[in-house]
Each structure stands twice: as structure tokens, then as C-alpha cells.
C-alpha atoms as a PDB file:
ATOM      1  CA  UNK A   1      19.944  -9.827  -9.717  1.00  0.00           C
ATOM      2  CA  UNK A   2      20.605  -6.116 -10.121  1.00  0.00           C
ATOM      3  CA  UNK A   3      24.148  -5.192 -11.116  1.00  0.00           C
ATOM      4  CA  UNK A   4      26.107  -2.930  -8.742  1.00  0.00           C
ATOM      5  CA  UNK A   5      27.314   0.227 -10.443  1.00  0.00           C
ATOM      6  CA  UNK A   6      30.198   0.960  -8.050  1.00  0.00           C
ATOM      7  CA  UNK A   7      31.586   0.129  -4.633  1.00  0.00           C
ATOM      8  CA  UNK A   8      29.474   2.819  -3.017  1.00  0.00           C
ATOM      9  CA  UNK A   9      26.358   1.929  -4.971  1.00  0.00           C
ATOM     10  CA  UNK A  10      24.210  -0.233  -2.741  1.00  0.00           C
ATOM     11  CA  UNK A  11      21.440  -2.519  -3.916  1.00  0.00           C
ATOM     12  CA  UNK A  12      19.191  -4.715  -1.871  1.00  0.00           C
ATOM     13  CA  UNK A  13      17.000  -6.999  -3.935  1.00  0.00           C
ATOM     14  CA  UNK A  14      14.637  -9.222  -2.000  1.00  0.00           C
ATOM     15  CA  UNK A  15      13.317 -12.132  -4.025  1.00  0.00           C
ATOM     16  CA  UNK A  16      10.403 -13.164  -1.870  1.00  0.00           C
ATOM     17  CA  UNK A  17       8.567 -15.538  -4.113  1.00  0.00           C
ATOM     18  CA  UNK A  18      11.424 -17.999  -4.136  1.00  0.00           C
ATOM     19  CA  UNK A  19      10.246 -19.576  -7.383  1.00  0.00           C
ATOM     20  CA  UNK A  20      12.650 -20.562 -10.133  1.00  0.00           C
ATOM     21  CA  UNK A  21       9.931 -20.401 -12.773  1.00  0.00           C
ATOM     22  CA  UNK A  22      10.225 -17.617 -15.292  1.00  0.00           C
ATOM     23  CA  UNK A  23       7.277 -15.516 -16.414  1.00  0.00           C
ATOM     24  CA  UNK A  24       6.155 -15.965 -19.991  1.00  0.00           C
ATOM     25  CA  UNK A  25       6.677 -13.293 -22.689  1.00  0.00           C
ATOM     26  CA  UNK A  26       3.109 -11.987 -22.491  1.00  0.00           C
ATOM     27  CA  UNK A  27       3.329 -11.657 -18.701  1.00  0.00           C
ATOM     28  CA  UNK A  28       6.629  -9.811 -18.917  1.00  0.00           C
ATOM     29  CA  UNK A  29       5.059  -7.373 -21.376  1.00  0.00           C
ATOM     30  CA  UNK A  30       2.094  -6.583 -19.114  1.00  0.00           C
ATOM     31  CA  UNK A  31       3.369  -7.027 -15.553  1.00  0.00           C
ATOM     32  CA  UNK A  32       4.973  -3.886 -14.168  1.00  0.00           C
ATOM     33  CA  UNK A  33       6.345  -2.816 -10.829  1.00  0.00           C
ATOM     34  CA  UNK A  34       5.167   0.175  -8.824  1.00  0.00           C
ATOM     35  CA  UNK A  35       7.532   2.882  -7.618  1.00  0.00           C
ATOM     36  CA  UNK A  36       6.502   3.095  -3.982  1.00  0.00           C
ATOM     37  CA  UNK A  37       8.963   5.413  -2.284  1.00  0.00           C
ATOM     38  CA  UNK A  38      11.277   7.948  -3.937  1.00  0.00           C
ATOM     39  CA  UNK A  39      13.981   9.994  -2.236  1.00  0.00           C
ATOM     40  CA  UNK A  40      15.891  12.315  -4.541  1.00  0.00           C
ATOM     41  CA  UNK A  41      15.400  12.542  -8.318  1.00  0.00           C
ATOM     42  CA  UNK A  42      15.207   9.238 -10.194  1.00  0.00           C
ATOM     43  CA  UNK A  43      14.741   8.650 -13.922  1.00  0.00           C
ATOM     44  CA  UNK A  44      14.018   5.861 -16.336  1.00  0.00           C
ATOM     45  CA  UNK A  45      16.127   5.523 -19.477  1.00  0.00           C
ATOM     46  CA  UNK A  46      15.194   8.428 -21.734  1.00  0.00           C
ATOM     47  CA  UNK A  47      14.854  10.857 -18.842  1.00  0.00           C
ATOM     48  CA  UNK A  48      11.300  10.153 -17.628  1.00  0.00           C
ATOM     49  CA  UNK A  49      11.089  11.211 -13.981  1.00  0.00           C
ATOM     50  CA  UNK A  50      10.051   8.516 -11.491  1.00  0.00           C
ATOM     51  CA  UNK A  51       7.523   9.525  -8.833  1.00  0.00           C
ATOM     52  CA  UNK A  52       5.538   7.371  -6.393  1.00  0.00           C
ATOM     53  CA  UNK A  53       2.946   5.384  -8.328  1.00  0.00           C
ATOM     54  CA  UNK A  54       4.967   5.222 -11.525  1.00  0.00           C
ATOM     55  CA  UNK A  55       4.683   1.854 -13.304  1.00  0.00           C
ATOM     56  CA  UNK A  56       8.107   0.474 -14.245  1.00  0.00           C
ATOM     57  CA  UNK A  57       8.582  -2.685 -16.351  1.00  0.00           C
ATOM     58  CA  UNK A  58      11.002  -5.417 -15.203  1.00  0.00           C
ATOM     59  CA  UNK A  59      14.379  -5.069 -16.871  1.00  0.00           C
ATOM     60  CA  UNK A  60      14.188  -1.266 -16.996  1.00  0.00           C
ATOM     61  CA  UNK A  61      17.278   0.862 -16.461  1.00  0.00           C
ATOM     62  CA  UNK A  62      16.930   3.537 -13.772  1.00  0.00           C
ATOM     63  CA  UNK A  63      19.344   6.165 -12.468  1.00  0.00           C
ATOM     64  CA  UNK A  64      19.352   9.093 -10.042  1.00  0.00           C
ATOM     65  CA  UNK A  65      20.685  12.635  -9.841  1.00  0.00           C
ATOM     66  CA  UNK A  66      23.367  12.778  -7.174  1.00  0.00           C
ATOM     67  CA  UNK A  67      25.451  15.690  -5.979  1.00  0.00           C
ATOM     68  CA  UNK A  68      29.247  15.747  -6.000  1.00  0.00           C
ATOM     69  CA  UNK A  69      29.452  18.752  -3.677  1.00  0.00           C
ATOM     70  CA  UNK A  70      27.141  17.413  -0.972  1.00  0.00           C
ATOM     71  CA  UNK A  71      26.583  13.669  -1.483  1.00  0.00           C
ATOM     72  CA  UNK A  72      23.465  12.270   0.174  1.00  0.00           C
ATOM     73  CA  UNK A  73      21.737   8.907  -0.200  1.00  0.00           C
ATOM     74  CA  UNK A  74      19.183   8.646  -3.000  1.00  0.00           C
ATOM     75  CA  UNK A  75      16.621   5.866  -2.428  1.00  0.00           C
ATOM     76  CA  UNK A  76      14.067   4.153  -4.625  1.00  0.00           C
ATOM     77  CA  UNK A  77      11.719   1.364  -3.501  1.00  0.00           C
ATOM     78  CA  UNK A  78       9.915  -0.609  -6.210  1.00  0.00           C
ATOM     79  CA  UNK A  79       7.296  -3.277  -5.511  1.00  0.00           C
ATOM     80  CA  UNK A  80       6.958  -5.992  -8.140  1.00  0.00           C
ATOM     81  CA  UNK A  81       3.824  -8.083  -8.822  1.00  0.00           C
ATOM     82  CA  UNK A  82       5.704 -11.359  -8.319  1.00  0.00           C
ATOM     83  CA  UNK A  83       6.618 -10.397  -4.735  1.00  0.00           C
ATOM     84  CA  UNK A  84      10.014  -8.788  -5.220  1.00  0.00           C
ATOM     85  CA  UNK A  85      10.761  -5.721  -3.118  1.00  0.00           C
ATOM     86  CA  UNK A  86      13.582  -3.731  -4.701  1.00  0.00           C
ATOM     87  CA  UNK A  87      15.541  -1.193  -2.677  1.00  0.00           C
ATOM     88  CA  UNK A  88      17.985   0.924  -4.697  1.00  0.00           C
ATOM     89  CA  UNK A  89      20.472   3.358  -3.198  1.00  0.00           C
ATOM     90  CA  UNK A  90      23.327   5.489  -4.470  1.00  0.00           C
ATOM     91  CA  UNK A  91      25.402   8.298  -2.968  1.00  0.00           C
ATOM     92  CA  UNK A  92      26.832  10.830  -5.394  1.00  0.00           C
ATOM     93  CA  UNK A  93      26.588  12.145  -8.952  1.00  0.00           C
ATOM     94  CA  UNK A  94      29.004   9.657 -10.490  1.00  0.00           C
ATOM     95  CA  UNK A  95      27.643   6.505  -8.899  1.00  0.00           C
ATOM     96  CA  UNK A  96      23.996   7.545  -9.249  1.00  0.00           C
ATOM     97  CA  UNK A  97      24.362   8.293 -12.963  1.00  0.00           C
ATOM     98  CA  UNK A  98      25.624   4.742 -13.609  1.00  0.00           C
ATOM     99  CA  UNK A  99      22.239   3.461 -12.509  1.00  0.00           C
ATOM    100  CA  UNK A 100      20.646   0.060 -12.043  1.00  0.00           C
ATOM    101  CA  UNK A 101      19.153  -2.576 -14.289  1.00  0.00           C
ATOM    102  CA  UNK A 102      15.987  -3.958 -12.658  1.00  0.00           C
ATOM    103  CA  UNK A 103      15.713  -7.759 -12.492  1.00  0.00           C
ATOM    104  CA  UNK A 104      13.285  -9.871 -14.468  1.00  0.00           C
ATOM    105  CA  UNK A 105      10.255 -11.410 -12.825  1.00  0.00           C
ATOM    106  CA  UNK A 106      11.100 -14.492 -10.777  1.00  0.00           C
ATOM    107  CA  UNK A 107       7.812 -16.299 -11.332  1.00  0.00           C
ATOM    108  CA  UNK A 108       4.475 -16.249 -13.117  1.00  0.00           C
ATOM    109  CA  UNK A 109       2.015 -13.457 -12.362  1.00  0.00           C
ATOM    110  CA  UNK A 110      -1.712 -13.912 -12.887  1.00  0.00           C
ATOM    111  CA  UNK A 111      -4.044 -11.394 -14.507  1.00  0.00           C
ATOM    112  CA  UNK A 112      -5.663 -10.418 -11.215  1.00  0.00           C
ATOM    113  CA  UNK A 113      -2.360  -9.440  -9.597  1.00  0.00           C
ATOM    114  CA  UNK A 114      -1.317  -7.496 -12.703  1.00  0.00           C
ATOM    115  CA  UNK A 115      -4.616  -5.592 -12.556  1.00  0.00           C
ATOM    116  CA  UNK A 116      -4.252  -5.039  -8.804  1.00  0.00           C
ATOM    117  CA  UNK A 117      -0.816  -3.474  -9.208  1.00  0.00           C
ATOM    118  CA  UNK A 118      -2.153  -1.182 -11.907  1.00  0.00           C
ATOM    119  CA  UNK A 119      -5.029  -0.074  -9.659  1.00  0.00           C
ATOM    120  CA  UNK A 120      -2.830   0.460  -6.613  1.00  0.00           C
ATOM    121  CA  UNK A 121      -0.197   2.326  -8.638  1.00  0.00           C
ATOM    122  CA  UNK A 122      -2.854   4.739  -9.898  1.00  0.00           C
ATOM    123  CA  UNK A 123      -4.041   5.414  -6.349  1.00  0.00           C
ATOM    124  CA  UNK A 124      -0.449   5.830  -5.144  1.00  0.00           C
ATOM    125  CA  UNK A 125       0.136   8.447  -7.841  1.00  0.00           C
ATOM    126  CA  UNK A 126      -3.063  10.289  -6.912  1.00  0.00           C
ATOM    127  CA  UNK A 127      -2.043  10.189  -3.258  1.00  0.00           C
ATOM    128  CA  UNK A 128       1.373  11.631  -4.147  1.00  0.00           C
ATOM    129  CA  UNK A 129      -0.108  14.383  -6.320  1.00  0.00           C
ATOM    130  CA  UNK A 130      -2.548  15.334  -3.553  1.00  0.00           C
ATOM    131  CA  UNK A 131       0.245  15.427  -0.968  1.00  0.00           C
ATOM    132  CA  UNK A 132       2.051  18.154  -2.901  1.00  0.00           C
ATOM    133  CA  UNK A 133      -0.628  20.675  -1.926  1.00  0.00           C
ATOM    134  CA  UNK A 134      -0.970  19.561   1.711  1.00  0.00           C
ATOM    135  CA  UNK A 135       0.424  21.622   4.534  1.00  0.00           C
ATOM    136  CA  UNK A 136       2.709  19.701   6.855  1.00  0.00           C
ATOM    137  CA  UNK A 137       0.194  20.076   9.702  1.00  0.00           C
ATOM    138  CA  UNK A 138      -2.539  18.431   7.585  1.00  0.00           C
ATOM    139  CA  UNK A 139      -0.630  15.243   6.821  1.00  0.00           C
ATOM    140  CA  UNK A 140      -1.989  12.075   8.438  1.00  0.00           C
ATOM    141  CA  UNK A 141       0.791  10.773  10.646  1.00  0.00           C
ATOM    142  CA  UNK A 142       1.191   7.245  11.976  1.00  0.00           C
ATOM    143  CA  UNK A 143       2.010   6.946  15.689  1.00  0.00           C
ATOM    144  CA  UNK A 144       4.374   4.155  16.775  1.00  0.00           C
ATOM    145  CA  UNK A 145       2.769   0.768  17.467  1.00  0.00           C
ATOM    146  CA  UNK A 146      -0.427   1.769  15.678  1.00  0.00           C
ATOM    147  CA  UNK A 147      -2.720  -1.189  14.944  1.00  0.00           C
ATOM    148  CA  UNK A 148      -4.073  -1.298  11.387  1.00  0.00           C
ATOM    149  CA  UNK A 149      -6.881  -3.075   9.554  1.00  0.00           C
ATOM    150  CA  UNK A 150      -8.456  -3.152   6.095  1.00  0.00           C
ATOM    151  CA  UNK A 151     -11.837  -4.774   5.569  1.00  0.00           C
ATOM    152  CA  UNK A 152     -14.897  -5.098   3.365  1.00  0.00           C
ATOM    153  CA  UNK A 153     -18.320  -5.116   5.038  1.00  0.00           C
ATOM    154  CA  UNK A 154     -21.975  -5.328   4.076  1.00  0.00           C
ATOM    155  CA  UNK A 155     -24.900  -3.773   5.954  1.00  0.00           C
ATOM    156  CA  UNK A 156     -27.380  -5.988   7.750  1.00  0.00           C
ATOM    157  CA  UNK A 157     -31.120  -5.647   7.202  1.00  0.00           C
ATOM    158  CA  UNK A 158     -31.314  -2.739   9.665  1.00  0.00           C
ATOM    159  CA  UNK A 159     -28.583  -0.882   7.738  1.00  0.00           C
ATOM    160  CA  UNK A 160     -25.926  -1.287  10.432  1.00  0.00           C
ATOM    161  CA  UNK A 161     -22.400  -2.682  10.207  1.00  0.00           C
ATOM    162  CA  UNK A 162     -20.890  -4.882  12.899  1.00  0.00           C
ATOM    163  CA  UNK A 163     -17.282  -3.691  13.206  1.00  0.00           C
ATOM    164  CA  UNK A 164     -16.310  -6.168  15.930  1.00  0.00           C
ATOM    165  CA  UNK A 165     -14.420  -8.533  13.624  1.00  0.00           C
ATOM    166  CA  UNK A 166     -12.403  -5.718  12.061  1.00  0.00           C
ATOM    167  CA  UNK A 167     -11.161  -4.357  15.416  1.00  0.00           C
ATOM    168  CA  UNK A 168     -10.688  -7.678  17.225  1.00  0.00           C
ATOM    169  CA  UNK A 169      -6.968  -6.947  17.683  1.00  0.00           C
ATOM    170  CA  UNK A 170      -7.803  -3.984  19.918  1.00  0.00           C
ATOM    171  CA  UNK A 171      -7.285  -4.698  23.657  1.00  0.00           C
ATOM    172  CA  UNK A 172     -10.345  -4.313  25.928  1.00  0.00           C
ATOM    173  CA  UNK A 173     -10.881  -0.820  27.272  1.00  0.00           C
ATOM    174  CA  UNK A 174     -12.604   2.547  26.803  1.00  0.00           C
ATOM    175  CA  UNK A 175     -12.003   4.299  23.493  1.00  0.00           C
ATOM    176  CA  UNK A 176     -13.133   7.245  21.428  1.00  0.00           C
ATOM    177  CA  UNK A 177     -14.036   6.095  17.919  1.00  0.00           C
ATOM    178  CA  UNK A 178     -14.104   8.386  14.869  1.00  0.00           C
ATOM    179  CA  UNK A 179     -15.516   7.185  11.541  1.00  0.00           C
ATOM    180  CA  UNK A 180     -15.099   9.523   8.600  1.00  0.00           C
ATOM    181  CA  UNK A 181     -15.952   9.453   4.904  1.00  0.00           C
ATOM    182  CA  UNK A 182     -16.465  11.917   2.085  1.00  0.00           C
ATOM    183  CA  UNK A 183     -20.035  12.454   3.309  1.00  0.00           C
ATOM    184  CA  UNK A 184     -19.324  13.223   6.966  1.00  0.00           C
ATOM    185  CA  UNK A 185     -18.039  12.004  10.312  1.00  0.00           C
ATOM    186  CA  UNK A 186     -19.373  10.031  13.285  1.00  0.00           C
ATOM    187  CA  UNK A 187     -17.868  10.028  16.776  1.00  0.00           C
ATOM    188  CA  UNK A 188     -18.683   7.802  19.726  1.00  0.00           C
ATOM    189  CA  UNK A 189     -17.152   6.715  23.022  1.00  0.00           C
ATOM    190  CA  UNK A 190     -17.198   2.938  23.330  1.00  0.00           C
ATOM    191  CA  UNK A 191     -16.459   0.346  25.973  1.00  0.00           C
ATOM    192  CA  UNK A 192     -14.796  -2.525  24.128  1.00  0.00           C
ATOM    193  CA  UNK A 193     -14.720  -5.894  25.859  1.00  0.00           C
ATOM    194  CA  UNK A 194     -12.798  -7.790  23.180  1.00  0.00           C
ATOM    195  CA  UNK A 195     -13.691 -10.486  20.668  1.00  0.00           C
ATOM    196  CA  UNK A 196     -17.172 -11.939  20.911  1.00  0.00           C
ATOM    197  CA  UNK A 197     -18.884  -8.574  21.305  1.00  0.00           C
ATOM    198  CA  UNK A 198     -20.842  -6.643  18.693  1.00  0.00           C
ATOM    199  CA  UNK A 199     -20.072  -3.068  17.731  1.00  0.00           C
ATOM    200  CA  UNK A 200     -22.663  -1.683  15.326  1.00  0.00           C
ATOM    201  CA  UNK A 201     -22.806   1.565  13.399  1.00  0.00           C
ATOM    202  CA  UNK A 202     -25.192   2.818  10.693  1.00  0.00           C
ATOM    203  CA  UNK A 203     -22.982   3.153   7.609  1.00  0.00           C
ATOM    204  CA  UNK A 204     -23.921   3.684   3.976  1.00  0.00           C
ATOM    205  CA  UNK A 205     -23.206   1.146   1.239  1.00  0.00           C
ATOM    206  CA  UNK A 206     -20.813   2.090  -1.559  1.00  0.00           C
ATOM    207  CA  UNK A 207     -18.697   4.156   0.811  1.00  0.00           C
ATOM    208  CA  UNK A 208     -15.117   3.953   2.067  1.00  0.00           C
ATOM    209  CA  UNK A 209     -14.600   4.909   5.702  1.00  0.00           C
ATOM    210  CA  UNK A 210     -11.496   5.899   7.637  1.00  0.00           C
ATOM    211  CA  UNK A 211     -11.809   4.447  11.150  1.00  0.00           C
ATOM    212  CA  UNK A 212      -9.650   5.919  13.916  1.00  0.00           C
ATOM    213  CA  UNK A 213      -9.776   4.700  17.511  1.00  0.00           C
ATOM    214  CA  UNK A 214      -8.217   6.761  20.312  1.00  0.00           C
ATOM    215  CA  UNK A 215      -7.276   5.625  23.789  1.00  0.00           C
ATOM    216  CA  UNK A 216      -6.236   7.537  26.886  1.00  0.00           C
ATOM    217  CA  UNK A 217      -4.480  10.895  26.427  1.00  0.00           C
ATOM    218  CA  UNK A 218      -6.041  11.033  22.944  1.00  0.00           C
ATOM    219  CA  UNK A 219      -3.402   8.652  21.541  1.00  0.00           C
ATOM    220  CA  UNK A 220      -4.487   6.911  18.344  1.00  0.00           C
ATOM    221  CA  UNK A 221      -4.429   3.160  18.965  1.00  0.00           C
ATOM    222  CA  UNK A 222      -5.970   1.757  15.783  1.00  0.00           C
ATOM    223  CA  UNK A 223      -6.603   2.964  12.239  1.00  0.00           C
ATOM    224  CA  UNK A 224      -8.470   1.156   9.518  1.00  0.00           C
ATOM    225  CA  UNK A 225     -10.076   1.391   6.097  1.00  0.00           C
ATOM    226  CA  UNK A 226     -13.573  -0.068   5.819  1.00  0.00           C
ATOM    227  CA  UNK A 227     -15.262  -0.426   2.436  1.00  0.00           C
ATOM    228  CA  UNK A 228     -19.028  -0.918   2.804  1.00  0.00           C
ATOM    229  CA  UNK A 229     -20.588  -2.602  -0.242  1.00  0.00           C
ATOM    230  CA  UNK A 230     -24.025  -3.961  -1.163  1.00  0.00           C
ATOM    231  CA  UNK A 231     -24.685  -7.591  -0.147  1.00  0.00           C
ATOM    232  CA  UNK A 232     -24.588  -8.658  -3.808  1.00  0.00           C
ATOM    233  CA  UNK A 233     -20.941  -7.530  -4.117  1.00  0.00           C
ATOM    234  CA  UNK A 234     -19.669  -8.533  -0.705  1.00  0.00           C
ATOM    235  CA  UNK A 235     -18.676 -12.160  -1.290  1.00  0.00           C
ATOM    236  CA  UNK A 236     -16.604 -11.461  -4.398  1.00  0.00           C
ATOM    237  CA  UNK A 237     -14.813  -8.378  -3.045  1.00  0.00           C
ATOM    238  CA  UNK A 238     -14.171  -9.946   0.353  1.00  0.00           C
ATOM    239  CA  UNK A 239     -12.633 -13.007  -1.315  1.00  0.00           C
ATOM    240  CA  UNK A 240     -10.415 -10.855  -3.534  1.00  0.00           C
ATOM    241  CA  UNK A 241      -9.239  -8.882  -0.514  1.00  0.00           C
ATOM    242  CA  UNK A 242      -8.514 -12.110   1.387  1.00  0.00           C
ATOM    243  CA  UNK A 243      -6.425 -13.473  -1.499  1.00  0.00           C
ATOM    244  CA  UNK A 244      -4.429 -10.260  -1.689  1.00  0.00           C
ATOM    245  CA  UNK A 245      -3.834 -10.269   2.073  1.00  0.00           C
ATOM    246  CA  UNK A 246      -2.594 -13.869   1.869  1.00  0.00           C
ATOM    247  CA  UNK A 247      -0.082 -12.966  -0.850  1.00  0.00           C
ATOM    248  CA  UNK A 248       1.157  -9.919   1.042  1.00  0.00           C
ATOM    249  CA  UNK A 249       1.525 -11.927   4.243  1.00  0.00           C
ATOM    250  CA  UNK A 250       3.716 -14.490   2.472  1.00  0.00           C
ATOM    251  CA  UNK A 251       5.824 -11.778   0.870  1.00  0.00           C
ATOM    252  CA  UNK A 252       6.211  -9.859   4.130  1.00  0.00           C
ATOM    253  CA  UNK A 253       7.194 -12.977   6.080  1.00  0.00           C
ATOM    254  CA  UNK A 254      10.008 -13.592   3.620  1.00  0.00           C
ATOM    255  CA  UNK A 255      10.955  -9.925   3.481  1.00  0.00           C
ATOM    256  CA  UNK A 256       9.861  -7.781   6.449  1.00  0.00           C
ATOM    257  CA  UNK A 257       9.236  -4.243   5.299  1.00  0.00           C
ATOM    258  CA  UNK A 258       6.518  -4.680   2.706  1.00  0.00           C
ATOM    259  CA  UNK A 259       4.040  -1.773   3.173  1.00  0.00           C
ATOM    260  CA  UNK A 260       1.140  -4.205   3.391  1.00  0.00           C
ATOM    261  CA  UNK A 261      -1.380  -1.996   5.203  1.00  0.00           C
ATOM    262  CA  UNK A 262      -0.780   0.996   2.952  1.00  0.00           C
ATOM    263  CA  UNK A 263      -0.967  -1.236  -0.128  1.00  0.00           C
ATOM    264  CA  UNK A 264      -4.282  -2.741   1.024  1.00  0.00           C
ATOM    265  CA  UNK A 265      -5.703   0.699   1.848  1.00  0.00           C
ATOM    266  CA  UNK A 266      -4.966   1.895  -1.678  1.00  0.00           C
ATOM    267  CA  UNK A 267      -6.520  -1.283  -3.055  1.00  0.00           C
ATOM    268  CA  UNK A 268      -9.757  -0.509  -1.200  1.00  0.00           C
ATOM    269  CA  UNK A 269      -9.644   3.045  -2.561  1.00  0.00           C
ATOM    270  CA  UNK A 270      -9.314   1.581  -6.047  1.00  0.00           C
ATOM    271  CA  UNK A 271     -12.335  -0.663  -5.476  1.00  0.00           C
ATOM    272  CA  UNK A 272     -14.326   2.319  -4.216  1.00  0.00           C
ATOM    273  CA  UNK A 273     -13.362   4.378  -7.267  1.00  0.00           C
ATOM    274  CA  UNK A 274     -14.311   1.533  -9.621  1.00  0.00           C
ATOM    275  CA  UNK A 275     -17.753   1.297  -8.022  1.00  0.00           C
ATOM    276  CA  UNK A 276     -18.328   5.049  -8.146  1.00  0.00           C
ATOM    277  CA  UNK A 277     -18.699   5.196  -4.371  1.00  0.00           C
ATOM    278  CA  UNK A 278     -18.467   8.581  -2.614  1.00  0.00           C
END
């Protein structure tokens, strides 16, 4: 467990794998956590600044810059590839400077999960860097109770994609659907009757699409990421996505608060980048 630095230094460490097995030396050397959310100024030992997407090895020492004159909470959330979700908090200059020692891995981590965390961390860092130049009005906000999905799809022989399975959680009704990618945008008003129906759109392979579905009063009801891949790649990528979803579901059941949808979206972005898709 992480050691408390003072009475006002708060640490919440969620061990959501529940395994008593310890990772081997080679796994500890390669498996690293991802800094997911950073409030305030946090550093690793040696002074390296921590930003979202930074890879941080288990056992690292981290600290924050707090203010004595106007104390305010400094937060750091780190996701670990064995399922730990670490939430670190301190209040002022003295307590923040004492820092935290991150825990070791609680269980073995396979090569695929290590690689996945590296890919997602890179996308998280790119997302953070891009956000620095965004105006506040251009930021994509998430309305309350927004439904989310992440999926891999392959085109049928006519070049269309059936999106019905991806949006099956959407209640029946009339909606305005917007599908955007780097190459353009499609819009269509649909009448959705629920599961069992087909909803087809002509979408290009090797492309990642942002799907947004709006209900009455132009309120966004569902948002998803859809990676369209050639048929030859579909089975492998769909299976990898399913395995990752299963792991995240287990972790989130044991520790509500895992950013599963955002994590999966960045994973799909990583897959798109690896394939050279637009």
C-alpha cells in the first residue's frame, strides 16, 4: 500500500485485481502505469513533471507542488496494468512535498496488456498536448447520462456497415445521427425501433469514426467510437477489443470510477494509428 505522508495527506489505493501473486522481475521492469488525470503540478523523483499520459513505473516516488498561502487539493490518478486505480491527494506545500511511494504490482501482467497501456498512454499524451491549444468552446463535453460505445466493424460486400449492434442500448425513437471522421461528416435522421433492426451506412475501411446521436431538443443521447477495418483484420482486432473490455469491466465492478469508455476510445485511436488509417 502507499504510505501516508501526513494526517492531511489522503491516499486512496484501489487494488482491483485481488490477486496475491506478485509480478516477476521482468514484468516489473516493463509494466508501467499511466498518469490519467492531473490536478496541480506533480513530479517524479528527480523533478520530471507528470502530465496526463506519462508512464510511471510501480514503486516510483511522486510529489506535488502545494501552496502554503492558499492550500488547495492536488490530485493525481494513475491507472496500473494489473487493475489498480491509484488516487493521490495532498493539500499544502509541506504535505505535498513529502510525496507518495507507488505500490508494486499486485499480480502478473501479460505482454498484451503491457503493450496496450503503452499505446493508450501515448494517445492520452497526444490528447493532452492537443487540448492545450483548444479554445474552451471547442472542447467536446459529455452531457449527463450519455450512453457510450466502442466497437470494431467490417464492411459488408456492398461497402456498408450495420451499426445496429453498436447502438442497441439506445431506446426506440427518432434521432439525428452524425458520423464524423478525418475525411468528412455524414448526417441523417433515423427512426430507431430497437434491437433486431438494421442500421446501415456506407463507411470506409481503415477509418475511425466519431458517432454522435441526438434526441429531442438537440440533446446528445449516445456517443461512440467505431473503427472500420478490412475483413481480414476484423476477427483479431474485435477479439482483442473484447478481451480488453472484459478486463475493464472486472476492474470497474471492483472499483467504480475506472474511465473505461475513454480508455477504450484511446485504444481504438491507437489501433487506427498503427494501421495508418486516416
